[in-house]
Every structure is written in C-alpha cells, then in structure tokens.
Amino acid sequence: MGRDFPANFPQRPKRLVPTSRILSPEQATMHLEFHQLDRRWEHLRVREPQRQRRLLASLADSGQQTPIVVVAAGTPERYLVIDGHKRVAALEQLGRDTVEATVWAVSEAEALLLSRSLRFSPQESALEQGWLLAEMEHRFGYSLDDLARRFDRSPSWVSRRLGLVELLPEAIQQQVREGKLAAQVAMKFLVPVARVNIDDCTRMADAFVTHRCDTRQAGQLYTAWRQATRAVRERILAEPELFLKTQRQAPVAKPAAVAQVERDLEMVIAILRRTGRLLAEALPEMTGPQQKQAQGQMENARRELNRMAERIGKEQEPKHAEPGTTHRDPGTEREGSEQARDRTGAALVAADRAQSAARELHERAGDPTGREGGTVPRPDPRAFDIVQGESRASP
C-alpha cells in the first residue's frame, strides 16, 4: 500500500497469527536439526556468491523470517529439502542449531513442481530449468508430453532444455552450480562450441574460469574461435591469456568522442562570432580595466586554441624523419633529426608492443606462411603511423 521498507530489517514482531497457520492451516512448522535434512536437490540451483552474502547478513541481523519447505523422506526423522537450500547453508554458516521448516503433505515430485510455480526468487536460467526437467524425467519417469503439460510449455521447449543438459559436459555444469562460471556465459558461448567440439568447449570453459572472463571477454574469445580456422582455434585455446592480452590494448578514439569534439568546436566558433558582434556595441562603454580584462581572456582563449592546433599538427607529422637532400646547415639538420627521433620514440615503442603479442600468437604455431588467419607484416620504419592498440592478431 505504498509503504516504504526500511534499509535494515527490524526485529521481527510477534505474529498475531502463527506462520504455520498462514502457510498450512493443518500443518504446524517445526524446528529441524541439520542432520535431519536431505539436500539432494541443492544442485538444481546456481550458487550466487553476492546474493548469498546479502542473505547471510539478513539472517544474522533479523533471524530466519521464512521457513524452508520440506517433505517427509523415506526414513523416520528425515526430511527432504524442497525450497530453502541457500537459507540452510547460511544458517549453518552462522552456527545456528536448528532450521524452521514447514512440511508439505505431497509427494517429492509434486513438491518440486509446486515449489517452482510458487517461487518468488528471480527467474531461473535455461540451464536450471533443464536440470529440473532432467530429474523429473529420469528419477520420476515423466514423459516429454507430461513435462510440457506440467510446465505449461510446448514439447519442443522441454526438448531444448533437456538437450542443453545432455550437451554440456558435467564438469562445466558443476562450474556453473558453484558460481565459477555464469550461466549466461555457458548458455551463450559454450553450448554452441559443444555442438562442434566437446574438447574445445571444455578448454574454453577452463579459460573463462582461469582468467575470470566477464561476458565481454568471453564473447571476444568465442567470436575469435568461431571465425578462425582449425589451426588458429588451437592457438587461441592453447594460449588464451595471450589472445586476451592483445584485446586489452588501448582502443582507438571512439566515434562518440570524435563527434563530441566536432560539436564543441562548432559551438566555440558560434560563440566567438556572437561575441564579436556584441563587442562592437559594448566597446564604447567599456572602461580601461574592462578592456584589459577582455584582452587577457582573449589571449587565454587563443593559447588554448593554439595548443589544440599544435597537438593535431604533431599527430599529422611523419613519425619517422626521411633522409633527404637539403641545403641547410649540417648542425641544424642534426639537431632537427634528434628532435624528430625523440618525438617518434614513444610511437615506435607503442607500435612494437601492439604488434609483439600478435606476432607471438601467430608464430608459435610454426606457420610462417600465414595461411591461418593472416600474418602480421614486419613493421615498416617508414610508416609508423600505427595507432597504439590496433592489432591484427585477433583471428
């Protein structure tokens, strides 16, 4: 009803109606010890460290607000956890002795389906849906049509989810469960690789985990692998760190920045023209100090414009001085060449660094002809106008 929630959970007030009466009028909640809980379905959900830390802080501050859901197991005093695995793990980490739970008087399979339909947590990934469907099919014998009806989906939707679980290697699925690999990364990049080559899929997943690739870096590695030939794919997967290093080179100026500079300069010109027109009217009324102040501001503006013009001029200059026949004094020519050499030193180093990693990636496979993905040409000392960050190493 529009009421704001506090940032920190307050101390839980005593309910007028017990929680057990709200959840299940005929079944009271109970406090179970950890050894009574069977957590066999914990693998159906992805572990998210950040959310788990927030849940841990909430439980430490306010205690358990919502009971977990369990069903009776086959043995006495044992209960199967249906919903609340993350709460159980957090309470155990906090050193609590018991967990508040409510028992559903339904079968194990019905409880799993009902829990999914009542779940208020964020939407599960396609891989998590596949895990649940696979368990329902293998453990409880549900057919494809039964699962489609239960999940209110088409049989093709169920088949696709089951295919994901069957396609991805179990080692990769375990990395997703443990939170080492994002489910989105696995679905978007590793599944297509698995359809082509299972070994390449496993190696790419290991590279994602080892180098802690985010979605952008994982996409770069996958795109390069997809567009490359077999030999280049092998080089990429053999040394993914070298490939990622070439991608981290300083990028060229973004088009958005170039457009912004052009717009700003147009505004400066318009302002100067307008000021020039106003100056003709204001000049007779300006005092001597005001005129001097205006002259100083104009001089500052002139210096800034000259500085920017000089910077553009340096970028347009040749990066290497060509020896030529001149009639200047030899001493002056030597001094000029030394200055040009100083100016180009930084550019030479930047260009060499940008190409060294790319050349190493292609040469380690022993393919000097460059049939796989193209070769990196030897730097031409007469044309060092390479922008730092450009590299042809990416396949």
Protein backbone atom coordinates (compact mmCIF):
# COMPACT_ATOMS: atom_id res chain seq x y z
CA MET A 1 0.00 0.00 0.00
CA GLY A 2 2.85 2.43 -0.80
CA ARG A 3 4.69 1.82 2.48
CA ASP A 4 8.47 2.23 2.30
CA PHE A 5 10.56 -0.67 3.52
CA PRO A 6 13.49 0.06 5.86
CA ALA A 7 17.05 -0.43 4.69
CA ASN A 8 17.77 -2.80 7.58
CA PHE A 9 15.39 -5.47 8.69
CA PRO A 10 13.86 -4.60 12.08
CA GLN A 11 13.43 -7.10 14.86
CA ARG A 12 10.68 -9.47 13.83
CA PRO A 13 7.48 -8.69 15.78
CA LYS A 14 5.38 -11.44 17.26
CA ARG A 15 2.75 -12.51 14.76
CA LEU A 16 -0.89 -12.42 15.79
CA VAL A 17 -1.39 -15.47 13.57
CA PRO A 18 1.45 -18.03 13.58
CA THR A 19 3.41 -18.52 10.38
CA SER A 20 2.32 -22.12 10.30
CA ARG A 21 -1.35 -21.11 10.15
CA ILE A 22 -0.63 -18.84 7.16
CA LEU A 23 1.34 -21.40 5.17
CA SER A 24 -0.55 -24.54 6.06
CA PRO A 25 -3.56 -24.44 8.37
CA GLU A 26 -3.38 -28.15 9.05
CA GLN A 27 0.40 -28.46 9.46
CA ALA A 28 2.49 -26.57 12.02
CA THR A 29 6.08 -25.56 11.39
CA MET A 30 8.82 -27.40 13.19
CA HIS A 31 12.47 -26.87 14.06
CA LEU A 32 14.77 -29.40 12.44
CA GLU A 33 18.43 -30.06 13.05
CA PHE A 34 20.82 -30.04 10.13
CA HIS A 35 21.48 -33.80 10.24
CA GLN A 36 17.76 -34.38 9.62
CA LEU A 37 17.82 -32.54 6.30
CA ASP A 38 18.39 -34.28 2.97
CA ARG A 39 19.71 -31.70 0.49
CA ARG A 40 19.87 -33.84 -2.63
CA TRP A 41 18.12 -31.18 -4.77
CA GLU A 42 20.59 -28.43 -3.94
CA HIS A 43 22.31 -28.92 -7.31
CA LEU A 44 19.25 -27.69 -9.17
CA ARG A 45 20.03 -24.07 -8.35
CA VAL A 46 23.03 -21.92 -9.27
CA ARG A 47 25.11 -20.56 -6.44
CA GLU A 48 25.39 -16.76 -6.50
CA PRO A 49 28.04 -15.54 -4.02
CA GLN A 50 26.81 -11.93 -3.93
CA ARG A 51 23.21 -12.83 -3.17
CA GLN A 52 24.37 -15.40 -0.64
CA ARG A 53 26.35 -12.73 1.23
CA ARG A 54 23.28 -10.48 1.39
CA LEU A 55 21.17 -13.37 2.68
CA LEU A 56 23.80 -14.15 5.29
CA ALA A 57 23.78 -10.55 6.53
CA SER A 58 19.98 -10.51 6.69
CA LEU A 59 19.80 -13.75 8.67
CA ALA A 60 22.48 -12.55 11.05
CA ASP A 61 20.60 -9.31 11.67
CA SER A 62 16.98 -10.45 11.76
CA GLY A 63 16.98 -14.20 12.02
CA GLN A 64 15.04 -16.60 9.82
CA GLN A 65 11.90 -14.88 8.58
CA THR A 66 10.54 -17.58 6.27
CA PRO A 67 10.56 -21.32 6.97
CA ILE A 68 12.07 -23.68 4.43
CA VAL A 69 9.87 -26.23 2.69
CA VAL A 70 10.43 -29.95 3.24
CA VAL A 71 8.64 -33.22 2.59
CA ALA A 72 8.93 -36.43 4.53
CA ALA A 73 11.74 -38.66 3.34
CA GLY A 74 11.62 -42.42 3.25
CA THR A 75 13.29 -42.85 6.64
CA PRO A 76 11.99 -41.67 10.03
CA GLU A 77 13.07 -38.25 11.27
CA ARG A 78 14.49 -37.39 7.84
CA TYR A 79 13.13 -34.64 5.63
CA LEU A 80 13.88 -33.74 2.03
CA VAL A 81 14.53 -30.02 1.44
CA ILE A 82 12.41 -28.73 -1.44
CA ASP A 83 12.93 -24.97 -1.12
CA GLY A 84 15.37 -23.01 1.03
CA HIS A 85 18.78 -24.55 0.36
CA LYS A 86 20.50 -21.17 0.46
CA ARG A 87 18.88 -20.34 3.82
CA VAL A 88 20.00 -23.69 5.21
CA ALA A 89 23.60 -23.07 4.08
CA ALA A 90 23.60 -19.55 5.55
CA LEU A 91 22.14 -20.65 8.89
CA GLU A 92 24.69 -23.44 9.10
CA GLN A 93 27.45 -20.94 8.38
CA LEU A 94 26.15 -18.71 11.18
CA GLY A 95 26.36 -21.61 13.63
CA ARG A 96 22.64 -21.97 14.30
CA ASP A 97 21.43 -25.26 15.74
CA THR A 98 18.07 -25.65 14.01
CA VAL A 99 16.13 -24.54 10.95
CA GLU A 100 12.46 -23.59 10.93
CA ALA A 101 10.63 -25.69 8.35
CA THR A 102 7.13 -26.44 7.14
CA VAL A 103 6.21 -29.89 5.85
CA TRP A 104 4.20 -30.31 2.69
CA ALA A 105 1.98 -33.40 2.65
CA VAL A 106 2.63 -34.15 -1.02
CA SER A 107 4.95 -36.42 -2.96
CA GLU A 108 8.51 -35.46 -3.76
CA ALA A 109 7.79 -34.84 -7.46
CA GLU A 110 4.67 -32.80 -6.76
CA ALA A 111 6.55 -30.74 -4.20
CA LEU A 112 9.29 -29.90 -6.71
CA LEU A 113 6.78 -28.77 -9.32
CA LEU A 114 4.74 -26.80 -6.80
CA SER A 115 7.84 -25.12 -5.39
CA ARG A 116 8.83 -23.92 -8.83
CA SER A 117 5.39 -22.45 -9.52
CA LEU A 118 5.36 -20.61 -6.17
CA ARG A 119 8.98 -19.42 -6.27
CA PHE A 120 9.41 -15.68 -5.75
CA SER A 121 13.15 -15.61 -6.50
CA PRO A 122 14.47 -14.29 -9.84
CA GLN A 123 13.69 -16.31 -12.94
CA GLU A 124 15.92 -19.34 -13.24
CA SER A 125 18.19 -19.78 -16.21
CA ALA A 126 17.51 -22.21 -19.04
CA LEU A 127 20.19 -24.49 -17.62
CA GLU A 128 18.47 -24.61 -14.22
CA GLN A 129 15.19 -25.43 -15.95
CA GLY A 130 16.97 -28.22 -17.79
CA TRP A 131 18.33 -29.66 -14.53
CA LEU A 132 14.85 -29.87 -13.05
CA LEU A 133 13.35 -31.35 -16.21
CA ALA A 134 16.10 -33.97 -16.40
CA GLU A 135 15.48 -35.01 -12.79
CA MET A 136 11.73 -35.23 -13.37
CA GLU A 137 12.30 -37.36 -16.47
CA HIS A 138 14.97 -39.73 -15.13
CA ARG A 139 14.02 -40.06 -11.46
CA PHE A 140 10.24 -39.87 -11.64
CA GLY A 141 9.60 -41.19 -15.15
CA TYR A 142 7.74 -38.20 -16.59
CA SER A 143 7.37 -38.25 -20.37
CA LEU A 144 8.06 -35.31 -22.65
CA ASP A 145 4.35 -34.57 -23.01
CA ASP A 146 3.80 -34.83 -19.24
CA LEU A 147 6.58 -32.33 -18.57
CA ALA A 148 5.27 -29.95 -21.21
CA ARG A 149 1.82 -30.05 -19.61
CA ARG A 150 3.20 -29.65 -16.08
CA PHE A 151 5.40 -26.69 -17.04
CA ASP A 152 2.75 -25.21 -19.33
CA ARG A 153 5.18 -25.27 -22.23
CA SER A 154 5.46 -26.94 -25.59
CA PRO A 155 7.21 -30.31 -26.01
CA SER A 156 9.86 -28.60 -28.16
CA TRP A 157 10.65 -26.21 -25.27
CA VAL A 158 11.13 -29.17 -22.94
CA SER A 159 13.25 -30.96 -25.52
CA ARG A 160 15.55 -27.97 -25.98
CA ARG A 161 16.12 -27.62 -22.22
CA LEU A 162 16.87 -31.32 -21.87
CA GLY A 163 19.24 -31.08 -24.83
CA LEU A 164 21.25 -28.38 -23.07
CA VAL A 165 21.86 -30.61 -20.07
CA GLU A 166 22.82 -33.55 -22.26
CA LEU A 167 25.10 -31.42 -24.45
CA LEU A 168 27.19 -29.56 -21.85
CA PRO A 169 29.87 -31.66 -20.10
CA GLU A 170 29.14 -32.35 -16.44
CA ALA A 171 32.36 -30.58 -15.37
CA ILE A 172 31.12 -27.33 -16.94
CA GLN A 173 27.70 -27.71 -15.34
CA GLN A 174 29.36 -28.11 -11.96
CA GLN A 175 31.34 -24.90 -12.52
CA VAL A 176 28.02 -23.13 -13.17
CA ARG A 177 26.48 -24.60 -9.99
CA GLU A 178 29.44 -23.41 -7.92
CA GLY A 179 29.21 -19.88 -9.30
CA LYS A 180 32.62 -20.05 -11.00
CA LEU A 181 31.02 -19.69 -14.42
CA ALA A 182 27.99 -17.54 -15.19
CA ALA A 183 25.01 -19.44 -16.55
CA GLN A 184 24.58 -16.77 -19.22
CA VAL A 185 28.16 -17.27 -20.43
CA ALA A 186 27.71 -21.04 -20.54
CA MET A 187 24.47 -20.80 -22.49
CA LYS A 188 25.58 -18.12 -24.94
CA PHE A 189 29.12 -19.21 -25.75
CA LEU A 190 29.87 -22.73 -24.52
CA VAL A 191 26.77 -24.51 -25.80
CA PRO A 192 27.49 -23.58 -29.47
CA VAL A 193 31.11 -24.73 -29.04
CA ALA A 194 29.96 -28.02 -27.50
CA ARG A 195 27.87 -28.73 -30.60
CA VAL A 196 31.05 -28.53 -32.67
CA ASN A 197 33.77 -29.90 -30.40
CA ILE A 198 33.39 -31.09 -26.80
CA ASP A 199 37.13 -30.85 -26.10
CA ASP A 200 37.27 -27.24 -27.30
CA CYS A 201 34.22 -26.47 -25.14
CA THR A 202 35.94 -27.82 -22.02
CA ARG A 203 39.15 -25.91 -22.74
CA MET A 204 37.26 -22.69 -23.39
CA ALA A 205 35.34 -23.06 -20.12
CA ASP A 206 38.62 -23.58 -18.26
CA ALA A 207 39.98 -20.40 -19.89
CA PHE A 208 36.89 -18.44 -18.81
CA VAL A 209 37.28 -19.62 -15.21
CA THR A 210 41.08 -19.33 -15.00
CA HIS A 211 41.21 -15.79 -16.37
CA ARG A 212 37.91 -14.71 -14.75
CA CYS A 213 36.49 -13.52 -18.05
CA ASP A 214 33.47 -11.29 -17.93
CA THR A 215 30.75 -11.51 -20.58
CA ARG A 216 32.58 -9.13 -22.94
CA GLN A 217 35.90 -11.00 -22.76
CA ALA A 218 34.16 -14.36 -23.11
CA GLY A 219 32.37 -13.04 -26.19
CA GLN A 220 35.65 -11.87 -27.72
CA LEU A 221 37.28 -15.26 -27.20
CA TYR A 222 34.27 -17.14 -28.55
CA THR A 223 33.92 -14.88 -31.61
CA ALA A 224 37.60 -15.29 -32.48
CA TRP A 225 37.31 -19.07 -32.10
CA ARG A 226 34.18 -19.23 -34.25
CA GLN A 227 35.68 -17.19 -37.10
CA ALA A 228 39.07 -18.92 -37.08
CA THR A 229 40.35 -21.99 -38.88
CA ARG A 230 41.23 -25.16 -37.01
CA ALA A 231 44.91 -24.27 -36.54
CA VAL A 232 44.14 -20.77 -35.25
CA ARG A 233 41.48 -22.18 -32.90
CA GLU A 234 44.13 -24.44 -31.43
CA ARG A 235 46.46 -21.49 -30.86
CA ILE A 236 43.71 -19.46 -29.21
CA LEU A 237 42.75 -22.22 -26.79
CA ALA A 238 46.38 -23.17 -26.10
CA GLU A 239 47.25 -19.61 -25.03
CA PRO A 240 44.05 -17.71 -24.21
CA GLU A 241 45.96 -15.28 -21.99
CA LEU A 242 48.00 -14.11 -24.97
CA PHE A 243 44.84 -13.58 -27.02
CA LEU A 244 43.15 -11.62 -24.22
CA LYS A 245 46.29 -9.52 -23.88
CA THR A 246 46.00 -8.40 -27.49
CA GLN A 247 42.37 -7.44 -26.86
CA ARG A 248 43.34 -5.26 -23.88
CA GLN A 249 45.49 -2.93 -25.99
CA ALA A 250 44.42 0.72 -25.83
CA PRO A 251 41.48 1.21 -28.23
CA VAL A 252 41.38 3.94 -30.83
CA ALA A 253 39.32 7.05 -30.20
CA LYS A 254 35.66 6.20 -30.07
CA PRO A 255 33.42 7.72 -32.74
CA ALA A 256 31.29 9.25 -30.00
CA ALA A 257 34.29 11.23 -28.70
CA VAL A 258 35.15 12.41 -32.22
CA ALA A 259 31.60 13.60 -32.77
CA GLN A 260 31.60 15.42 -29.43
CA VAL A 261 34.82 17.27 -30.32
CA GLU A 262 33.33 18.38 -33.63
CA ARG A 263 30.16 19.63 -31.93
CA ASP A 264 32.14 21.51 -29.26
CA LEU A 265 34.33 23.23 -31.86
CA GLU A 266 31.25 24.30 -33.82
CA MET A 267 29.82 25.77 -30.62
CA VAL A 268 33.08 27.63 -29.92
CA ILE A 269 33.02 29.18 -33.39
CA ALA A 270 29.41 30.25 -32.98
CA ILE A 271 30.13 31.79 -29.57
CA LEU A 272 33.16 33.69 -30.88
CA ARG A 273 31.16 35.12 -33.77
CA ARG A 274 28.36 36.21 -31.47
CA THR A 275 30.86 37.76 -29.04
CA GLY A 276 32.50 39.65 -31.93
CA ARG A 277 29.19 41.21 -32.87
CA LEU A 278 28.43 42.17 -29.27
CA LEU A 279 31.92 43.56 -28.75
CA ALA A 280 31.32 46.29 -31.37
CA GLU A 281 28.36 47.53 -29.31
CA ALA A 282 29.95 47.12 -25.87
CA LEU A 283 33.41 48.52 -26.62
CA PRO A 284 32.49 52.24 -26.34
CA GLU A 285 31.02 51.62 -22.90
CA MET A 286 33.90 49.52 -21.54
CA THR A 287 36.39 51.08 -19.16
CA GLY A 288 40.13 50.66 -19.48
CA PRO A 289 40.37 47.83 -16.89
CA GLN A 290 37.46 46.05 -18.52
CA GLN A 291 39.13 46.22 -21.91
CA LYS A 292 42.38 44.84 -20.47
CA GLN A 293 40.45 42.03 -18.79
CA ALA A 294 38.76 41.20 -22.07
CA GLN A 295 42.12 41.20 -23.85
CA GLY A 296 43.50 38.80 -21.24
CA GLN A 297 40.58 36.42 -21.70
CA MET A 298 41.02 36.55 -25.46
CA GLU A 299 44.69 35.74 -25.05
CA ASN A 300 43.84 32.76 -22.85
CA ALA A 301 41.38 31.51 -25.46
CA ARG A 302 43.99 31.99 -28.19
CA ARG A 303 46.57 29.97 -26.21
CA GLU A 304 44.11 27.09 -25.69
CA LEU A 305 43.21 27.02 -29.39
CA ASN A 306 46.89 27.14 -30.38
CA ARG A 307 47.68 24.29 -28.00
CA MET A 308 44.98 22.10 -29.55
CA ALA A 309 46.10 23.03 -33.07
CA GLU A 310 49.72 22.12 -32.23
CA ARG A 311 48.57 18.77 -30.84
CA ILE A 312 46.71 17.98 -34.07
CA GLY A 313 49.75 19.09 -36.06
CA LYS A 314 52.00 16.68 -34.17
CA GLU A 315 49.63 13.82 -34.95
CA GLN A 316 49.78 14.72 -38.64
CA GLU A 317 53.57 14.88 -38.78
CA PRO A 318 55.51 11.88 -40.17
CA LYS A 319 56.54 9.57 -37.35
CA HIS A 320 59.98 8.98 -38.88
CA ALA A 321 62.25 11.59 -40.47
CA GLU A 322 63.17 10.64 -44.02
CA PRO A 323 66.75 11.45 -45.01
CA GLY A 324 66.77 13.89 -47.89
CA THR A 325 68.96 16.37 -49.69
CA THR A 326 68.73 19.84 -48.18
CA HIS A 327 70.85 22.95 -48.25
CA ARG A 328 70.56 23.59 -44.53
CA ASP A 329 73.47 23.78 -42.16
CA PRO A 330 74.62 20.23 -41.14
CA GLY A 331 74.47 21.15 -37.46
CA THR A 332 70.88 22.40 -37.75
CA GLU A 333 69.88 19.26 -39.66
CA ARG A 334 71.41 17.02 -36.98
CA GLU A 335 69.55 18.91 -34.26
CA GLY A 336 66.25 18.57 -36.13
CA SER A 337 66.77 14.86 -36.66
CA GLU A 338 67.46 14.34 -32.96
CA GLN A 339 64.20 16.13 -32.07
CA ALA A 340 62.23 14.04 -34.59
CA ARG A 341 63.80 10.87 -33.17
CA ASP A 342 62.75 11.90 -29.67
CA ARG A 343 59.21 12.60 -30.83
CA THR A 344 58.84 9.22 -32.53
CA GLY A 345 60.40 7.13 -29.75
CA ALA A 346 57.17 6.72 -27.85
CA ALA A 347 55.24 5.88 -31.03
CA LEU A 348 57.82 3.23 -32.02
CA VAL A 349 57.62 1.56 -28.62
CA ALA A 350 53.79 1.63 -28.63
CA ALA A 351 53.62 0.14 -32.11
CA ASP A 352 56.14 -2.59 -31.29
CA ARG A 353 54.23 -3.53 -28.13
CA ALA A 354 50.91 -3.66 -30.01
CA GLN A 355 52.36 -5.99 -32.64
CA SER A 356 54.65 -8.16 -30.48
CA ALA A 357 51.83 -10.06 -28.79
CA ALA A 358 50.02 -10.52 -32.10
CA ARG A 359 53.18 -11.77 -33.86
CA GLU A 360 53.90 -14.19 -31.00
CA LEU A 361 50.38 -15.67 -31.15
CA HIS A 362 50.71 -16.45 -34.88
CA GLU A 363 54.34 -17.57 -34.92
CA ARG A 364 54.11 -20.07 -32.05
CA ALA A 365 52.13 -22.46 -34.28
CA GLY A 366 55.02 -22.58 -36.75
CA ASP A 367 53.03 -21.25 -39.71
CA PRO A 368 55.15 -18.52 -41.25
CA THR A 369 53.13 -18.52 -44.46
CA GLY A 370 50.14 -17.06 -42.66
CA ARG A 371 47.56 -19.31 -44.25
CA GLU A 372 45.65 -19.49 -40.96
CA GLY A 373 44.10 -16.13 -40.18
CA GLY A 374 46.68 -13.94 -41.94
CA THR A 375 50.18 -12.85 -40.93
CA VAL A 376 51.31 -9.75 -39.15
CA PRO A 377 53.66 -7.84 -41.51
CA ARG A 378 57.06 -6.75 -40.32
CA PRO A 379 56.93 -3.14 -39.15
CA ASP A 380 57.95 -0.66 -41.86
CA PRO A 381 60.18 2.04 -40.34
CA ARG A 382 58.87 4.48 -42.96
CA ALA A 383 55.24 4.19 -41.99
CA PHE A 384 54.91 4.23 -38.22
CA ASP A 385 51.52 5.88 -38.22
CA ILE A 386 50.03 2.93 -36.35
CA VAL A 387 47.67 3.88 -33.56
CA GLN A 388 48.51 2.16 -30.32
CA GLY A 389 46.04 -0.66 -29.75
CA GLU A 390 45.47 -1.68 -33.37
CA SER A 391 46.39 -5.30 -33.84
CA ARG A 392 45.72 -7.87 -36.49
CA ALA A 393 46.31 -10.71 -34.09
CA SER A 394 42.62 -11.34 -33.42
CA PRO A 395 41.51 -14.16 -35.68
